[in-house]
PDB file of N, CA and C in Angstrom:
ATOM      1  N   MET A   1       1.395  -0.898 -52.284  1.00  0.00           N
ATOM      2  CA  MET A   1       0.698  -0.509 -51.082  1.00  0.00           C
ATOM      3  C   MET A   1       1.426   0.653 -50.421  1.00  0.00           C
ATOM      4  N   ASN A   2       0.658   1.552 -49.930  1.00  0.00           N
ATOM      5  CA  ASN A   2       1.291   2.663 -49.223  1.00  0.00           C
ATOM      6  C   ASN A   2       1.284   2.364 -47.713  1.00  0.00           C
ATOM      7  N   ARG A   3       1.836   3.282 -46.963  1.00  0.00           N
ATOM      8  CA  ARG A   3       1.991   3.060 -45.517  1.00  0.00           C
ATOM      9  C   ARG A   3       0.644   2.930 -44.796  1.00  0.00           C
ATOM     10  N   LYS A   4      -0.335   3.706 -45.196  1.00  0.00           N
ATOM     11  CA  LYS A   4      -1.634   3.648 -44.530  1.00  0.00           C
ATOM     12  C   LYS A   4      -2.308   2.294 -44.733  1.00  0.00           C
ATOM     13  N   GLU A   5      -2.203   1.748 -45.953  1.00  0.00           N
ATOM     14  CA  GLU A   5      -2.802   0.442 -46.217  1.00  0.00           C
ATOM     15  C   GLU A   5      -2.083  -0.652 -45.436  1.00  0.00           C
ATOM     16  N   ILE A   6      -0.754  -0.559 -45.380  1.00  0.00           N
ATOM     17  CA  ILE A   6       0.021  -1.552 -44.623  1.00  0.00           C
ATOM     18  C   ILE A   6      -0.359  -1.481 -43.140  1.00  0.00           C
ATOM     19  N   ALA A   7      -0.454  -0.265 -42.620  1.00  0.00           N
ATOM     20  CA  ALA A   7      -0.820  -0.102 -41.215  1.00  0.00           C
ATOM     21  C   ALA A   7      -2.232  -0.628 -40.959  1.00  0.00           C
ATOM     22  N   ALA A   8      -3.147  -0.394 -41.885  1.00  0.00           N
ATOM     23  CA  ALA A   8      -4.518  -0.876 -41.730  1.00  0.00           C
ATOM     24  C   ALA A   8      -4.562  -2.400 -41.762  1.00  0.00           C
ATOM     25  N   HIS A   9      -3.802  -3.021 -42.658  1.00  0.00           N
ATOM     26  CA  HIS A   9      -3.756  -4.483 -42.743  1.00  0.00           C
ATOM     27  C   HIS A   9      -3.140  -5.077 -41.476  1.00  0.00           C
ATOM     28  N   LEU A  10      -2.058  -4.471 -41.001  1.00  0.00           N
ATOM     29  CA  LEU A  10      -1.429  -4.968 -39.771  1.00  0.00           C
ATOM     30  C   LEU A  10      -2.375  -4.816 -38.578  1.00  0.00           C
ATOM     31  N   ASN A  11      -3.062  -3.700 -38.513  1.00  0.00           N
ATOM     32  CA  ASN A  11      -4.001  -3.476 -37.416  1.00  0.00           C
ATOM     33  C   ASN A  11      -5.132  -4.499 -37.445  1.00  0.00           C
ATOM     34  N   SER A  12      -5.669  -4.769 -38.616  1.00  0.00           N
ATOM     35  CA  SER A  12      -6.752  -5.754 -38.707  1.00  0.00           C
ATOM     36  C   SER A  12      -6.240  -7.161 -38.399  1.00  0.00           C
ATOM     37  N   ALA A  13      -5.009  -7.468 -38.803  1.00  0.00           N
ATOM     38  CA  ALA A  13      -4.437  -8.782 -38.501  1.00  0.00           C
ATOM     39  C   ALA A  13      -4.246  -8.958 -36.995  1.00  0.00           C
ATOM     40  N   ILE A  14      -3.758  -7.924 -36.342  1.00  0.00           N
ATOM     41  CA  ILE A  14      -3.559  -8.006 -34.889  1.00  0.00           C
ATOM     42  C   ILE A  14      -4.901  -8.103 -34.176  1.00  0.00           C
ATOM     43  N   THR A  15      -5.886  -7.365 -34.644  1.00  0.00           N
ATOM     44  CA  THR A  15      -7.212  -7.398 -34.032  1.00  0.00           C
ATOM     45  C   THR A  15      -7.834  -8.784 -34.166  1.00  0.00           C
ATOM     46  N   GLN A  16      -7.655  -9.431 -35.303  1.00  0.00           N
ATOM     47  CA  GLN A  16      -8.202 -10.766 -35.508  1.00  0.00           C
ATOM     48  C   GLN A  16      -7.397 -11.825 -34.766  1.00  0.00           C
ATOM     49  N   LEU A  17      -6.118 -11.579 -34.558  1.00  0.00           N
ATOM     50  CA  LEU A  17      -5.248 -12.562 -33.924  1.00  0.00           C
ATOM     51  C   LEU A  17      -5.495 -12.649 -32.420  1.00  0.00           C
ATOM     52  N   VAL A  18      -5.657 -11.519 -31.762  1.00  0.00           N
ATOM     53  CA  VAL A  18      -5.824 -11.486 -30.311  1.00  0.00           C
ATOM     54  C   VAL A  18      -7.295 -11.704 -29.971  1.00  0.00           C
ATOM     55  N   PRO A  19      -7.603 -12.727 -29.166  1.00  0.00           N
ATOM     56  CA  PRO A  19      -9.010 -12.955 -28.812  1.00  0.00           C
ATOM     57  C   PRO A  19      -9.488 -11.913 -27.797  1.00  0.00           C
ATOM     58  N   ASP A  20     -10.781 -11.641 -27.829  1.00  0.00           N
ATOM     59  CA  ASP A  20     -11.370 -10.686 -26.898  1.00  0.00           C
ATOM     60  C   ASP A  20     -11.777 -11.447 -25.636  1.00  0.00           C
ATOM     61  N   LEU A  21     -10.940 -11.374 -24.621  1.00  0.00           N
ATOM     62  CA  LEU A  21     -11.165 -12.134 -23.399  1.00  0.00           C
ATOM     63  C   LEU A  21     -11.848 -11.328 -22.300  1.00  0.00           C
ATOM     64  N   PHE A  22     -12.081 -10.054 -22.520  1.00  0.00           N
ATOM     65  CA  PHE A  22     -12.648  -9.225 -21.458  1.00  0.00           C
ATOM     66  C   PHE A  22     -14.011  -9.727 -21.011  1.00  0.00           C
ATOM     67  N   ASP A  23     -14.895 -10.039 -21.957  1.00  0.00           N
ATOM     68  CA  ASP A  23     -16.235 -10.499 -21.594  1.00  0.00           C
ATOM     69  C   ASP A  23     -16.176 -11.809 -20.815  1.00  0.00           C
ATOM     70  N   ILE A  24     -15.269 -12.680 -21.206  1.00  0.00           N
ATOM     71  CA  ILE A  24     -15.138 -13.961 -20.509  1.00  0.00           C
ATOM     72  C   ILE A  24     -14.659 -13.740 -19.077  1.00  0.00           C
ATOM     73  N   VAL A  25     -13.652 -12.908 -18.915  1.00  0.00           N
ATOM     74  CA  VAL A  25     -13.100 -12.655 -17.584  1.00  0.00           C
ATOM     75  C   VAL A  25     -14.081 -11.866 -16.726  1.00  0.00           C
ATOM     76  N   ALA A  26     -14.747 -10.890 -17.311  1.00  0.00           N
ATOM     77  CA  ALA A  26     -15.660 -10.043 -16.544  1.00  0.00           C
ATOM     78  C   ALA A  26     -16.903 -10.795 -16.092  1.00  0.00           C
ATOM     79  N   ASN A  27     -17.344 -11.784 -16.832  1.00  0.00           N
ATOM     80  CA  ASN A  27     -18.579 -12.494 -16.501  1.00  0.00           C
ATOM     81  C   ASN A  27     -18.347 -13.823 -15.801  1.00  0.00           C
ATOM     82  N   THR A  28     -17.128 -14.125 -15.446  1.00  0.00           N
ATOM     83  CA  THR A  28     -16.836 -15.365 -14.742  1.00  0.00           C
ATOM     84  C   THR A  28     -17.337 -15.255 -13.305  1.00  0.00           C
ATOM     85  N   PRO A  29     -18.094 -16.231 -12.832  1.00  0.00           N
ATOM     86  CA  PRO A  29     -18.578 -16.158 -11.446  1.00  0.00           C
ATOM     87  C   PRO A  29     -17.423 -16.318 -10.459  1.00  0.00           C
ATOM     88  N   VAL A  30     -17.518 -15.577  -9.363  1.00  0.00           N
ATOM     89  CA  VAL A  30     -16.464 -15.599  -8.353  1.00  0.00           C
ATOM     90  C   VAL A  30     -17.031 -16.189  -7.072  1.00  0.00           C
ATOM     91  N   ILE A  31     -16.329 -17.161  -6.528  1.00  0.00           N
ATOM     92  CA  ILE A  31     -16.730 -17.759  -5.259  1.00  0.00           C
ATOM     93  C   ILE A  31     -15.948 -17.063  -4.155  1.00  0.00           C
ATOM     94  N   LYS A  32     -16.672 -16.422  -3.239  1.00  0.00           N
ATOM     95  CA  LYS A  32     -16.005 -15.691  -2.166  1.00  0.00           C
ATOM     96  C   LYS A  32     -15.537 -16.662  -1.092  1.00  0.00           C
ATOM     97  N   MET A  33     -14.410 -16.314  -0.493  1.00  0.00           N
ATOM     98  CA  MET A  33     -13.851 -17.151   0.561  1.00  0.00           C
ATOM     99  C   MET A  33     -14.632 -16.947   1.857  1.00  0.00           C
ATOM    100  N   GLU A  34     -14.904 -18.051   2.545  1.00  0.00           N
ATOM    101  CA  GLU A  34     -15.575 -17.949   3.828  1.00  0.00           C
ATOM    102  C   GLU A  34     -14.580 -17.618   4.932  1.00  0.00           C
ATOM    103  N   LYS A  35     -13.361 -18.071   4.759  1.00  0.00           N
ATOM    104  CA  LYS A  35     -12.359 -17.908   5.798  1.00  0.00           C
ATOM    105  C   LYS A  35     -11.009 -17.734   5.114  1.00  0.00           C
ATOM    106  N   HIS A  36     -10.158 -16.874   5.657  1.00  0.00           N
ATOM    107  CA  HIS A  36      -8.844 -16.651   5.069  1.00  0.00           C
ATOM    108  C   HIS A  36      -7.938 -17.853   5.325  1.00  0.00           C
ATOM    109  N   ASP A  37      -7.106 -18.163   4.341  1.00  0.00           N
ATOM    110  CA  ASP A  37      -6.114 -19.209   4.543  1.00  0.00           C
ATOM    111  C   ASP A  37      -4.785 -18.566   4.932  1.00  0.00           C
ATOM    112  N   TYR A  38      -3.712 -19.358   4.996  1.00  0.00           N
ATOM    113  CA  TYR A  38      -2.437 -18.830   5.480  1.00  0.00           C
ATOM    114  C   TYR A  38      -1.828 -17.802   4.531  1.00  0.00           C
ATOM    115  N   VAL A  39      -2.235 -17.792   3.274  1.00  0.00           N
ATOM    116  CA  VAL A  39      -1.681 -16.826   2.323  1.00  0.00           C
ATOM    117  C   VAL A  39      -2.429 -15.497   2.400  1.00  0.00           C
ATOM    118  N   THR A  40      -3.741 -15.550   2.521  1.00  0.00           N
ATOM    119  CA  THR A  40      -4.546 -14.330   2.473  1.00  0.00           C
ATOM    120  C   THR A  40      -4.907 -13.792   3.854  1.00  0.00           C
ATOM    121  N   ARG A  41      -4.333 -14.381   4.884  1.00  0.00           N
ATOM    122  CA  ARG A  41      -4.630 -13.944   6.254  1.00  0.00           C
ATOM    123  C   ARG A  41      -4.199 -12.493   6.455  1.00  0.00           C
ATOM    124  N   GLN A  42      -5.032 -11.728   7.133  1.00  0.00           N
ATOM    125  CA  GLN A  42      -4.722 -10.334   7.435  1.00  0.00           C
ATOM    126  C   GLN A  42      -4.542 -10.202   8.936  1.00  0.00           C
ATOM    127  N   GLU A  43      -3.327  -9.873   9.327  1.00  0.00           N
ATOM    128  CA  GLU A  43      -3.047  -9.734  10.748  1.00  0.00           C
ATOM    129  C   GLU A  43      -3.480  -8.351  11.223  1.00  0.00           C
ATOM    130  N   GLU A  44      -3.996  -8.311  12.440  1.00  0.00           N
ATOM    131  CA  GLU A  44      -4.413  -7.036  12.999  1.00  0.00           C
ATOM    132  C   GLU A  44      -3.181  -6.220  13.365  1.00  0.00           C
ATOM    133  N   ALA A  45      -3.223  -4.962  13.017  1.00  0.00           N
ATOM    134  CA  ALA A  45      -2.094  -4.083  13.303  1.00  0.00           C
ATOM    135  C   ALA A  45      -2.076  -3.758  14.795  1.00  0.00           C
ATOM    136  N   GLU A  46      -0.884  -3.816  15.360  1.00  0.00           N
ATOM    137  CA  GLU A  46      -0.749  -3.487  16.775  1.00  0.00           C
ATOM    138  C   GLU A  46      -0.749  -1.978  16.954  1.00  0.00           C
ATOM    139  N   LYS A  47      -1.315  -1.541  18.064  1.00  0.00           N
ATOM    140  CA  LYS A  47      -1.303  -0.116  18.360  1.00  0.00           C
ATOM    141  C   LYS A  47       0.122   0.298  18.707  1.00  0.00           C
ATOM    142  N   PRO A  48       0.557   1.435  18.208  1.00  0.00           N
ATOM    143  CA  PRO A  48       1.904   1.887  18.561  1.00  0.00           C
ATOM    144  C   PRO A  48       1.975   2.206  20.049  1.00  0.00           C
ATOM    145  N   LYS A  49       3.099   1.837  20.651  1.00  0.00           N
ATOM    146  CA  LYS A  49       3.278   2.044  22.081  1.00  0.00           C
ATOM    147  C   LYS A  49       4.145   3.277  22.291  1.00  0.00           C
ATOM    148  N   TYR A  50       3.487   4.368  22.642  1.00  0.00           N
ATOM    149  CA  TYR A  50       4.181   5.636  22.836  1.00  0.00           C
ATOM    150  C   TYR A  50       4.519   5.899  24.303  1.00  0.00           C
ATOM    151  N   ARG A  51       4.149   5.009  25.176  1.00  0.00           N
ATOM    152  CA  ARG A  51       4.332   5.260  26.602  1.00  0.00           C
ATOM    153  C   ARG A  51       5.804   5.428  26.958  1.00  0.00           C
ATOM    154  N   LEU A  52       6.670   4.562  26.467  1.00  0.00           N
ATOM    155  CA  LEU A  52       8.096   4.644  26.777  1.00  0.00           C
ATOM    156  C   LEU A  52       8.702   5.925  26.209  1.00  0.00           C
ATOM    157  N   GLN A  53       8.292   6.304  25.017  1.00  0.00           N
ATOM    158  CA  GLN A  53       8.793   7.545  24.423  1.00  0.00           C
ATOM    159  C   GLN A  53       8.300   8.760  25.204  1.00  0.00           C
ATOM    160  N   LEU A  54       7.066   8.717  25.687  1.00  0.00           N
ATOM    161  CA  LEU A  54       6.521   9.814  26.476  1.00  0.00           C
ATOM    162  C   LEU A  54       7.268   9.946  27.802  1.00  0.00           C
ATOM    163  N   ILE A  55       7.570   8.833  28.440  1.00  0.00           N
ATOM    164  CA  ILE A  55       8.328   8.866  29.693  1.00  0.00           C
ATOM    165  C   ILE A  55       9.711   9.454  29.457  1.00  0.00           C
ATOM    166  N   ALA A  56      10.382   9.041  28.385  1.00  0.00           N
ATOM    167  CA  ALA A  56      11.717   9.567  28.082  1.00  0.00           C
ATOM    168  C   ALA A  56      11.662  11.068  27.811  1.00  0.00           C
ATOM    169  N   ALA A  57      10.647  11.525  27.105  1.00  0.00           N
ATOM    170  CA  ALA A  57      10.522  12.957  26.819  1.00  0.00           C
ATOM    171  C   ALA A  57      10.268  13.744  28.100  1.00  0.00           C
ATOM    172  N   CYS A  58       9.419  13.227  28.981  1.00  0.00           N
ATOM    173  CA  CYS A  58       9.141  13.913  30.252  1.00  0.00           C
ATOM    174  C   CYS A  58      10.387  13.984  31.124  1.00  0.00           C
ATOM    175  N   VAL A  59      11.141  12.899  31.185  1.00  0.00           N
ATOM    176  CA  VAL A  59      12.384  12.901  31.963  1.00  0.00           C
ATOM    177  C   VAL A  59      13.360  13.917  31.389  1.00  0.00           C
ATOM    178  N   GLY A  60      13.449  13.997  30.078  1.00  0.00           N
ATOM    179  CA  GLY A  60      14.341  14.973  29.442  1.00  0.00           C
ATOM    180  C   GLY A  60      13.935  16.401  29.753  1.00  0.00           C
ATOM    181  N   VAL A  61      12.641  16.681  29.690  1.00  0.00           N
ATOM    182  CA  VAL A  61      12.153  18.034  29.986  1.00  0.00           C
ATOM    183  C   VAL A  61      12.400  18.381  31.450  1.00  0.00           C
ATOM    184  N   MET A  62      12.144  17.426  32.354  1.00  0.00           N
ATOM    185  CA  MET A  62      12.388  17.688  33.778  1.00  0.00           C
ATOM    186  C   MET A  62      13.868  17.909  34.053  1.00  0.00           C
ATOM    187  N   LEU A  63      14.739  17.168  33.386  1.00  0.00           N
ATOM    188  CA  LEU A  63      16.179  17.346  33.556  1.00  0.00           C
ATOM    189  C   LEU A  63      16.608  18.732  33.082  1.00  0.00           C
ATOM    190  N   ILE A  64      16.074  19.173  31.966  1.00  0.00           N
ATOM    191  CA  ILE A  64      16.393  20.520  31.466  1.00  0.00           C
ATOM    192  C   ILE A  64      15.887  21.578  32.436  1.00  0.00           C
ATOM    193  N   MET A  65      14.690  21.378  33.005  1.00  0.00           N
ATOM    194  CA  MET A  65      14.156  22.338  33.976  1.00  0.00           C
ATOM    195  C   MET A  65      15.011  22.391  35.237  1.00  0.00           C
ATOM    196  N   VAL A  66      15.484  21.234  35.719  1.00  0.00           N
ATOM    197  CA  VAL A  66      16.337  21.196  36.913  1.00  0.00           C
ATOM    198  C   VAL A  66      17.653  21.901  36.637  1.00  0.00           C
ATOM    199  N   VAL A  67      18.260  21.636  35.487  1.00  0.00           N
ATOM    200  CA  VAL A  67      19.530  22.287  35.141  1.00  0.00           C
ATOM    201  C   VAL A  67      19.317  23.788  34.996  1.00  0.00           C
ATOM    202  N   PHE A  68      18.266  24.209  34.344  1.00  0.00           N
ATOM    203  CA  PHE A  68      17.985  25.634  34.154  1.00  0.00           C
ATOM    204  C   PHE A  68      17.732  26.327  35.495  1.00  0.00           C
ATOM    205  N   ALA A  69      16.919  25.690  36.356  1.00  0.00           N
ATOM    206  CA  ALA A  69      16.620  26.278  37.672  1.00  0.00           C
ATOM    207  C   ALA A  69      17.866  26.302  38.546  1.00  0.00           C
ATOM    208  N   GLY A  70      18.658  25.257  38.485  1.00  0.00           N
ATOM    209  CA  GLY A  70      19.892  25.206  39.281  1.00  0.00           C
ATOM    210  C   GLY A  70      20.915  26.219  38.809  1.00  0.00           C
ATOM    211  N   TRP A  71      20.941  26.490  37.541  1.00  0.00           N
ATOM    212  CA  TRP A  71      21.910  27.446  36.984  1.00  0.00           C
ATOM    213  C   TRP A  71      21.652  28.850  37.518  1.00  0.00           C
ATOM    214  N   PHE A  72      20.394  29.231  37.551  1.00  0.00           N
ATOM    215  CA  PHE A  72      20.057  30.573  38.015  1.00  0.00           C
ATOM    216  C   PHE A  72      19.846  30.642  39.534  1.00  0.00           C
ATOM    217  N   GLN A  73      19.842  29.504  40.216  1.00  0.00           N
ATOM    218  CA  GLN A  73      19.643  29.476  41.658  1.00  0.00           C
ATOM    219  C   GLN A  73      20.907  29.897  42.401  1.00  0.00           C
ATOM    220  N   PHE A  74      22.041  29.433  41.939  1.00  0.00           N
ATOM    221  CA  PHE A  74      23.293  29.695  42.668  1.00  0.00           C
ATOM    222  C   PHE A  74      24.120  30.720  41.972  1.00  0.00           C
TER     223      PHE A  74
END
């Protein structure tokens, strides 16, 4: 036997050995969940709270403006 025949025999053996499960899996009926359980529960994402960061940025900008104005004032 040459390499091509050996490869063909091995390929056919593997093809016959492994069952074709795609049709079984693809055609299996699926029952949809009416309600999520503790594993599949999806929690609502909280909105990010930028208010504190905005206040800190405004205070920083005002402080820089006061220092800049005071520097050139006197």
